[in-house]
Amino acid sequence: MQVQLARWGNSLGVRIPKDIANKLGLSEGTRVEMETDGNRILIQVDRPHYDLKDLLIGMTPEAMHQAFDWGTDVGREDVDS
């Protein structure tokens, strides 16, 4: 698909067609990463990168136990004894 560049202040802008935006889940305000690769322009959705260590800050075994309440034990699955 070909699109035409337009002036946007001192820069150039590219309009992303609606069907492509919908397919990638893009909407106004979505941040993207842009870089060059030879004579190509690469635009990628800027997805957050999570580090498990950072996500688990402050998590304790007691808090984990409270986070997953499966109800009372049934039969021989009593794991706290």
PDB file of N, CA and C in Angstrom:
ATOM      1  N   MET A   1       0.843  -1.165   0.000  1.00  0.00           N
ATOM      2  CA  MET A   1       0.000   0.000   0.000  1.00  0.00           C
ATOM      3  C   MET A   1       0.892   1.234   0.000  1.00  0.00           C
ATOM      4  N   GLN A   2       0.598   2.169  -0.851  1.00  0.00           N
ATOM      5  CA  GLN A   2       1.366   3.404  -0.909  1.00  0.00           C
ATOM      6  C   GLN A   2       0.593   4.513  -0.213  1.00  0.00           C
ATOM      7  N   VAL A   3       1.325   5.330   0.545  1.00  0.00           N
ATOM      8  CA  VAL A   3       0.750   6.515   1.190  1.00  0.00           C
ATOM      9  C   VAL A   3       1.637   7.698   0.843  1.00  0.00           C
ATOM     10  N   GLN A   4       1.121   8.891   1.035  1.00  0.00           N
ATOM     11  CA  GLN A   4       1.864  10.097   0.693  1.00  0.00           C
ATOM     12  C   GLN A   4       2.285  10.815   1.967  1.00  0.00           C
ATOM     13  N   LEU A   5       3.538  11.265   1.995  1.00  0.00           N
ATOM     14  CA  LEU A   5       4.038  12.035   3.126  1.00  0.00           C
ATOM     15  C   LEU A   5       3.418  13.423   3.118  1.00  0.00           C
ATOM     16  N   ALA A   6       3.229  13.994   4.304  1.00  0.00           N
ATOM     17  CA  ALA A   6       2.694  15.346   4.422  1.00  0.00           C
ATOM     18  C   ALA A   6       3.553  16.127   5.410  1.00  0.00           C
ATOM     19  N   ARG A   7       3.615  17.426   5.241  1.00  0.00           N
ATOM     20  CA  ARG A   7       4.385  18.262   6.162  1.00  0.00           C
ATOM     21  C   ARG A   7       3.630  18.373   7.480  1.00  0.00           C
ATOM     22  N   TRP A   8       4.386  18.244   8.577  1.00  0.00           N
ATOM     23  CA  TRP A   8       3.830  18.382   9.920  1.00  0.00           C
ATOM     24  C   TRP A   8       4.830  19.222  10.700  1.00  0.00           C
ATOM     25  N   GLY A   9       4.643  20.545  10.713  1.00  0.00           N
ATOM     26  CA  GLY A   9       5.620  21.457  11.296  1.00  0.00           C
ATOM     27  C   GLY A   9       6.891  21.392  10.477  1.00  0.00           C
ATOM     28  N   ASN A  10       8.026  21.156  11.115  1.00  0.00           N
ATOM     29  CA  ASN A  10       9.303  21.019  10.416  1.00  0.00           C
ATOM     30  C   ASN A  10       9.591  19.565  10.038  1.00  0.00           C
ATOM     31  N   SER A  11       8.647  18.671  10.281  1.00  0.00           N
ATOM     32  CA  SER A  11       8.836  17.246  10.013  1.00  0.00           C
ATOM     33  C   SER A  11       7.910  16.790   8.901  1.00  0.00           C
ATOM     34  N   LEU A  12       8.018  15.527   8.577  1.00  0.00           N
ATOM     35  CA  LEU A  12       7.099  14.894   7.634  1.00  0.00           C
ATOM     36  C   LEU A  12       6.291  13.857   8.390  1.00  0.00           C
ATOM     37  N   GLY A  13       5.034  13.703   8.007  1.00  0.00           N
ATOM     38  CA  GLY A  13       4.159  12.743   8.671  1.00  0.00           C
ATOM     39  C   GLY A  13       3.648  11.710   7.690  1.00  0.00           C
ATOM     40  N   VAL A  14       3.366  10.529   8.206  1.00  0.00           N
ATOM     41  CA  VAL A  14       2.796   9.437   7.420  1.00  0.00           C
ATOM     42  C   VAL A  14       1.441   9.103   8.041  1.00  0.00           C
ATOM     43  N   ARG A  15       0.412   9.022   7.226  1.00  0.00           N
ATOM     44  CA  ARG A  15      -0.902   8.600   7.721  1.00  0.00           C
ATOM     45  C   ARG A  15      -0.979   7.078   7.631  1.00  0.00           C
ATOM     46  N   ILE A  16      -1.407   6.464   8.710  1.00  0.00           N
ATOM     47  CA  ILE A  16      -1.553   5.013   8.733  1.00  0.00           C
ATOM     48  C   ILE A  16      -3.007   4.699   8.404  1.00  0.00           C
ATOM     49  N   PRO A  17      -3.244   3.951   7.333  1.00  0.00           N
ATOM     50  CA  PRO A  17      -4.621   3.628   6.945  1.00  0.00           C
ATOM     51  C   PRO A  17      -5.383   2.926   8.071  1.00  0.00           C
ATOM     52  N   LYS A  18      -6.689   3.182   8.130  1.00  0.00           N
ATOM     53  CA  LYS A  18      -7.540   2.683   9.204  1.00  0.00           C
ATOM     54  C   LYS A  18      -7.472   1.169   9.348  1.00  0.00           C
ATOM     55  N   ASP A  19      -7.484   0.419   8.230  1.00  0.00           N
ATOM     56  CA  ASP A  19      -7.476  -1.042   8.334  1.00  0.00           C
ATOM     57  C   ASP A  19      -6.184  -1.558   8.960  1.00  0.00           C
ATOM     58  N   ILE A  20      -5.072  -0.907   8.660  1.00  0.00           N
ATOM     59  CA  ILE A  20      -3.790  -1.304   9.271  1.00  0.00           C
ATOM     60  C   ILE A  20      -3.788  -0.928  10.748  1.00  0.00           C
ATOM     61  N   ALA A  21      -4.258   0.274  11.076  1.00  0.00           N
ATOM     62  CA  ALA A  21      -4.327   0.705  12.474  1.00  0.00           C
ATOM     63  C   ALA A  21      -5.197  -0.238  13.295  1.00  0.00           C
ATOM     64  N   ASN A  22      -6.339  -0.621  12.747  1.00  0.00           N
ATOM     65  CA  ASN A  22      -7.229  -1.545  13.460  1.00  0.00           C
ATOM     66  C   ASN A  22      -6.579  -2.903  13.662  1.00  0.00           C
ATOM     67  N   LYS A  23      -5.905  -3.406  12.640  1.00  0.00           N
ATOM     68  CA  LYS A  23      -5.260  -4.717  12.724  1.00  0.00           C
ATOM     69  C   LYS A  23      -4.200  -4.741  13.825  1.00  0.00           C
ATOM     70  N   LEU A  24      -3.492  -3.614  14.014  1.00  0.00           N
ATOM     71  CA  LEU A  24      -2.418  -3.549  15.008  1.00  0.00           C
ATOM     72  C   LEU A  24      -2.876  -2.979  16.346  1.00  0.00           C
ATOM     73  N   GLY A  25      -4.147  -2.604  16.438  1.00  0.00           N
ATOM     74  CA  GLY A  25      -4.655  -2.039  17.692  1.00  0.00           C
ATOM     75  C   GLY A  25      -4.145  -0.636  17.951  1.00  0.00           C
ATOM     76  N   LEU A  26      -3.876   0.124  16.894  1.00  0.00           N
ATOM     77  CA  LEU A  26      -3.372   1.485  17.041  1.00  0.00           C
ATOM     78  C   LEU A  26      -4.530   2.463  17.128  1.00  0.00           C
ATOM     79  N   SER A  27      -4.362   3.483  17.953  1.00  0.00           N
ATOM     80  CA  SER A  27      -5.335   4.565  18.033  1.00  0.00           C
ATOM     81  C   SER A  27      -4.573   5.854  18.290  1.00  0.00           C
ATOM     82  N   GLU A  28      -5.275   6.965  18.230  1.00  0.00           N
ATOM     83  CA  GLU A  28      -4.625   8.262  18.442  1.00  0.00           C
ATOM     84  C   GLU A  28      -3.929   8.262  19.798  1.00  0.00           C
ATOM     85  N   GLY A  29      -2.676   8.664  19.820  1.00  0.00           N
ATOM     86  CA  GLY A  29      -1.900   8.711  21.052  1.00  0.00           C
ATOM     87  C   GLY A  29      -1.042   7.479  21.294  1.00  0.00           C
ATOM     88  N   THR A  30      -1.245   6.413  20.512  1.00  0.00           N
ATOM     89  CA  THR A  30      -0.419   5.218  20.662  1.00  0.00           C
ATOM     90  C   THR A  30       1.025   5.563  20.323  1.00  0.00           C
ATOM     91  N   ARG A  31       1.946   5.114  21.165  1.00  0.00           N
ATOM     92  CA  ARG A  31       3.368   5.375  20.916  1.00  0.00           C
ATOM     93  C   ARG A  31       3.939   4.247  20.068  1.00  0.00           C
ATOM     94  N   VAL A  32       4.817   4.617  19.132  1.00  0.00           N
ATOM     95  CA  VAL A  32       5.485   3.647  18.277  1.00  0.00           C
ATOM     96  C   VAL A  32       6.978   3.924  18.282  1.00  0.00           C
ATOM     97  N   GLU A  33       7.756   2.910  17.956  1.00  0.00           N
ATOM     98  CA  GLU A  33       9.201   3.027  17.771  1.00  0.00           C
ATOM     99  C   GLU A  33       9.459   3.147  16.279  1.00  0.00           C
ATOM    100  N   MET A  34      10.361   4.053  15.884  1.00  0.00           N
ATOM    101  CA  MET A  34      10.683   4.230  14.480  1.00  0.00           C
ATOM    102  C   MET A  34      12.192   4.181  14.316  1.00  0.00           C
ATOM    103  N   GLU A  35      12.652   3.427  13.312  1.00  0.00           N
ATOM    104  CA  GLU A  35      14.085   3.347  13.031  1.00  0.00           C
ATOM    105  C   GLU A  35      14.278   3.075  11.550  1.00  0.00           C
ATOM    106  N   THR A  36      15.502   3.207  11.126  1.00  0.00           N
ATOM    107  CA  THR A  36      15.812   2.934   9.729  1.00  0.00           C
ATOM    108  C   THR A  36      16.618   1.646   9.634  1.00  0.00           C
ATOM    109  N   ASP A  37      16.471   0.988   8.503  1.00  0.00           N
ATOM    110  CA  ASP A  37      17.228  -0.223   8.192  1.00  0.00           C
ATOM    111  C   ASP A  37      17.599  -0.106   6.718  1.00  0.00           C
ATOM    112  N   GLY A  38      18.785   0.438   6.454  1.00  0.00           N
ATOM    113  CA  GLY A  38      19.160   0.717   5.065  1.00  0.00           C
ATOM    114  C   GLY A  38      18.244   1.796   4.522  1.00  0.00           C
ATOM    115  N   ASN A  39      17.536   1.485   3.439  1.00  0.00           N
ATOM    116  CA  ASN A  39      16.616   2.478   2.874  1.00  0.00           C
ATOM    117  C   ASN A  39      15.172   2.209   3.289  1.00  0.00           C
ATOM    118  N   ARG A  40      14.993   1.431   4.345  1.00  0.00           N
ATOM    119  CA  ARG A  40      13.654   1.115   4.856  1.00  0.00           C
ATOM    120  C   ARG A  40      13.377   1.873   6.141  1.00  0.00           C
ATOM    121  N   ILE A  41      12.116   2.223   6.354  1.00  0.00           N
ATOM    122  CA  ILE A  41      11.663   2.815   7.616  1.00  0.00           C
ATOM    123  C   ILE A  41      10.869   1.741   8.345  1.00  0.00           C
ATOM    124  N   LEU A  42      11.273   1.432   9.573  1.00  0.00           N
ATOM    125  CA  LEU A  42      10.579   0.423  10.372  1.00  0.00           C
ATOM    126  C   LEU A  42       9.799   1.128  11.478  1.00  0.00           C
ATOM    127  N   ILE A  43       8.528   0.836  11.573  1.00  0.00           N
ATOM    128  CA  ILE A  43       7.679   1.388  12.621  1.00  0.00           C
ATOM    129  C   ILE A  43       7.098   0.209  13.391  1.00  0.00           C
ATOM    130  N   GLN A  44       7.329   0.178  14.697  1.00  0.00           N
ATOM    131  CA  GLN A  44       6.844  -0.914  15.528  1.00  0.00           C
ATOM    132  C   GLN A  44       6.042  -0.348  16.690  1.00  0.00           C
ATOM    133  N   VAL A  45       5.015  -1.061  17.082  1.00  0.00           N
ATOM    134  CA  VAL A  45       4.236  -0.655  18.243  1.00  0.00           C
ATOM    135  C   VAL A  45       5.139  -0.713  19.467  1.00  0.00           C
ATOM    136  N   ASP A  46       5.124   0.338  20.255  1.00  0.00           N
ATOM    137  CA  ASP A  46       5.952   0.414  21.458  1.00  0.00           C
ATOM    138  C   ASP A  46       5.236  -0.315  22.590  1.00  0.00           C
ATOM    139  N   ARG A  47       5.536  -1.584  22.754  1.00  0.00           N
ATOM    140  CA  ARG A  47       4.933  -2.387  23.811  1.00  0.00           C
ATOM    141  C   ARG A  47       5.840  -2.339  25.035  1.00  0.00           C
ATOM    142  N   PRO A  48       5.248  -2.257  26.220  1.00  0.00           N
ATOM    143  CA  PRO A  48       6.092  -2.241  27.423  1.00  0.00           C
ATOM    144  C   PRO A  48       6.835  -3.570  27.593  1.00  0.00           C
ATOM    145  N   HIS A  49       8.029  -3.494  28.108  1.00  0.00           N
ATOM    146  CA  HIS A  49       8.829  -4.680  28.387  1.00  0.00           C
ATOM    147  C   HIS A  49       8.912  -4.829  29.900  1.00  0.00           C
ATOM    148  N   TYR A  50       8.372  -5.922  30.402  1.00  0.00           N
ATOM    149  CA  TYR A  50       8.325  -6.145  31.839  1.00  0.00           C
ATOM    150  C   TYR A  50       9.433  -7.095  32.262  1.00  0.00           C
ATOM    151  N   ASP A  51       9.983  -6.839  33.421  1.00  0.00           N
ATOM    152  CA  ASP A  51      10.978  -7.701  34.036  1.00  0.00           C
ATOM    153  C   ASP A  51      10.293  -8.369  35.225  1.00  0.00           C
ATOM    154  N   LEU A  52      10.288  -9.691  35.262  1.00  0.00           N
ATOM    155  CA  LEU A  52       9.596 -10.412  36.318  1.00  0.00           C
ATOM    156  C   LEU A  52      10.050  -9.957  37.696  1.00  0.00           C
ATOM    157  N   LYS A  53      11.334  -9.703  37.853  1.00  0.00           N
ATOM    158  CA  LYS A  53      11.869  -9.256  39.143  1.00  0.00           C
ATOM    159  C   LYS A  53      11.177  -7.967  39.583  1.00  0.00           C
ATOM    160  N   ASP A  54      10.982  -7.042  38.654  1.00  0.00           N
ATOM    161  CA  ASP A  54      10.322  -5.776  38.992  1.00  0.00           C
ATOM    162  C   ASP A  54       8.842  -5.974  39.293  1.00  0.00           C
ATOM    163  N   LEU A  55       8.202  -6.899  38.586  1.00  0.00           N
ATOM    164  CA  LEU A  55       6.782  -7.148  38.820  1.00  0.00           C
ATOM    165  C   LEU A  55       6.521  -7.779  40.183  1.00  0.00           C
ATOM    166  N   LEU A  56       7.510  -8.495  40.707  1.00  0.00           N
ATOM    167  CA  LEU A  56       7.329  -9.205  41.969  1.00  0.00           C
ATOM    168  C   LEU A  56       7.871  -8.455  43.180  1.00  0.00           C
ATOM    169  N   ILE A  57       8.263  -7.192  43.002  1.00  0.00           N
ATOM    170  CA  ILE A  57       8.765  -6.409  44.138  1.00  0.00           C
ATOM    171  C   ILE A  57       7.690  -6.348  45.218  1.00  0.00           C
ATOM    172  N   GLY A  58       8.068  -6.682  46.426  1.00  0.00           N
ATOM    173  CA  GLY A  58       7.150  -6.629  47.560  1.00  0.00           C
ATOM    174  C   GLY A  58       6.262  -7.856  47.693  1.00  0.00           C
ATOM    175  N   MET A  59       6.349  -8.792  46.778  1.00  0.00           N
ATOM    176  CA  MET A  59       5.518  -9.995  46.850  1.00  0.00           C
ATOM    177  C   MET A  59       6.163 -10.977  47.823  1.00  0.00           C
ATOM    178  N   THR A  60       5.365 -11.472  48.748  1.00  0.00           N
ATOM    179  CA  THR A  60       5.849 -12.429  49.746  1.00  0.00           C
ATOM    180  C   THR A  60       5.072 -13.732  49.580  1.00  0.00           C
ATOM    181  N   PRO A  61       5.573 -14.831  50.142  1.00  0.00           N
ATOM    182  CA  PRO A  61       4.812 -16.082  50.080  1.00  0.00           C
ATOM    183  C   PRO A  61       3.412 -15.938  50.680  1.00  0.00           C
ATOM    184  N   GLU A  62       3.298 -15.148  51.759  1.00  0.00           N
ATOM    185  CA  GLU A  62       1.991 -14.945  52.386  1.00  0.00           C
ATOM    186  C   GLU A  62       1.044 -14.213  51.433  1.00  0.00           C
ATOM    187  N   ALA A  63       1.557 -13.204  50.743  1.00  0.00           N
ATOM    188  CA  ALA A  63       0.723 -12.454  49.798  1.00  0.00           C
ATOM    189  C   ALA A  63       0.321 -13.334  48.616  1.00  0.00           C
ATOM    190  N   MET A  64       1.223 -14.190  48.167  1.00  0.00           N
ATOM    191  CA  MET A  64       0.902 -15.100  47.068  1.00  0.00           C
ATOM    192  C   MET A  64      -0.205 -16.064  47.487  1.00  0.00           C
ATOM    193  N   HIS A  65      -0.123 -16.552  48.731  1.00  0.00           N
ATOM    194  CA  HIS A  65      -1.139 -17.483  49.224  1.00  0.00           C
ATOM    195  C   HIS A  65      -2.506 -16.798  49.238  1.00  0.00           C
ATOM    196  N   GLN A  66      -2.546 -15.538  49.646  1.00  0.00           N
ATOM    197  CA  GLN A  66      -3.807 -14.795  49.694  1.00  0.00           C
ATOM    198  C   GLN A  66      -4.318 -14.484  48.291  1.00  0.00           C
ATOM    199  N   ALA A  67      -3.421 -14.326  47.331  1.00  0.00           N
ATOM    200  CA  ALA A  67      -3.826 -13.960  45.977  1.00  0.00           C
ATOM    201  C   ALA A  67      -4.565 -15.105  45.282  1.00  0.00           C
ATOM    202  N   PHE A  68      -4.299 -16.327  45.671  1.00  0.00           N
ATOM    203  CA  PHE A  68      -4.906 -17.485  45.026  1.00  0.00           C
ATOM    204  C   PHE A  68      -5.687 -18.293  46.044  1.00  0.00           C
ATOM    205  N   ASP A  69      -6.908 -17.897  46.284  1.00  0.00           N
ATOM    206  CA  ASP A  69      -7.764 -18.630  47.211  1.00  0.00           C
ATOM    207  C   ASP A  69      -8.613 -19.605  46.401  1.00  0.00           C
ATOM    208  N   TRP A  70      -8.296 -20.873  46.511  1.00  0.00           N
ATOM    209  CA  TRP A  70      -9.007 -21.900  45.760  1.00  0.00           C
ATOM    210  C   TRP A  70     -10.134 -22.503  46.576  1.00  0.00           C
ATOM    211  N   GLY A  71     -10.428 -21.957  47.723  1.00  0.00           N
ATOM    212  CA  GLY A  71     -11.487 -22.507  48.563  1.00  0.00           C
ATOM    213  C   GLY A  71     -10.931 -23.517  49.541  1.00  0.00           C
ATOM    214  N   THR A  72     -11.832 -24.164  50.257  1.00  0.00           N
ATOM    215  CA  THR A  72     -11.398 -25.130  51.269  1.00  0.00           C
ATOM    216  C   THR A  72     -10.899 -26.414  50.602  1.00  0.00           C
ATOM    217  N   ASP A  73     -10.003 -27.095  51.312  1.00  0.00           N
ATOM    218  CA  ASP A  73      -9.466 -28.353  50.818  1.00  0.00           C
ATOM    219  C   ASP A  73     -10.548 -29.413  50.801  1.00  0.00           C
ATOM    220  N   VAL A  74     -10.481 -30.304  49.824  1.00  0.00           N
ATOM    221  CA  VAL A  74     -11.452 -31.378  49.672  1.00  0.00           C
ATOM    222  C   VAL A  74     -10.688 -32.686  49.583  1.00  0.00           C
ATOM    223  N   GLY A  75     -11.129 -33.671  50.303  1.00  0.00           N
ATOM    224  CA  GLY A  75     -10.482 -34.976  50.210  1.00  0.00           C
ATOM    225  C   GLY A  75      -9.074 -34.970  50.772  1.00  0.00           C
ATOM    226  N   ARG A  76      -8.117 -35.560  50.045  1.00  0.00           N
ATOM    227  CA  ARG A  76      -6.755 -35.717  50.557  1.00  0.00           C
ATOM    228  C   ARG A  76      -5.827 -34.607  50.101  1.00  0.00           C
ATOM    229  N   GLU A  77      -6.351 -33.467  49.655  1.00  0.00           N
ATOM    230  CA  GLU A  77      -5.482 -32.395  49.154  1.00  0.00           C
ATOM    231  C   GLU A  77      -5.068 -31.398  50.237  1.00  0.00           C
ATOM    232  N   ASP A  78      -5.293 -31.688  51.490  1.00  0.00           N
ATOM    233  CA  ASP A  78      -4.944 -30.777  52.575  1.00  0.00           C
ATOM    234  C   ASP A  78      -3.434 -30.554  52.544  1.00  0.00           C
ATOM    235  N   VAL A  79      -3.000 -29.391  52.063  1.00  0.00           N
ATOM    236  CA  VAL A  79      -1.565 -29.124  51.897  1.00  0.00           C
ATOM    237  C   VAL A  79      -0.956 -28.355  53.052  1.00  0.00           C
ATOM    238  N   ASP A  80      -1.773 -27.836  53.963  1.00  0.00           N
ATOM    239  CA  ASP A  80      -1.231 -27.052  55.081  1.00  0.00           C
ATOM    240  C   ASP A  80      -0.856 -27.924  56.263  1.00  0.00           C
ATOM    241  N   SER A  81      -1.134 -29.205  56.262  1.00  0.00           N
ATOM    242  CA  SER A  81      -0.826 -30.059  57.420  1.00  0.00           C
ATOM    243  C   SER A  81       0.569 -30.611  57.313  1.00  0.00           C
TER     244      SER A  81
END
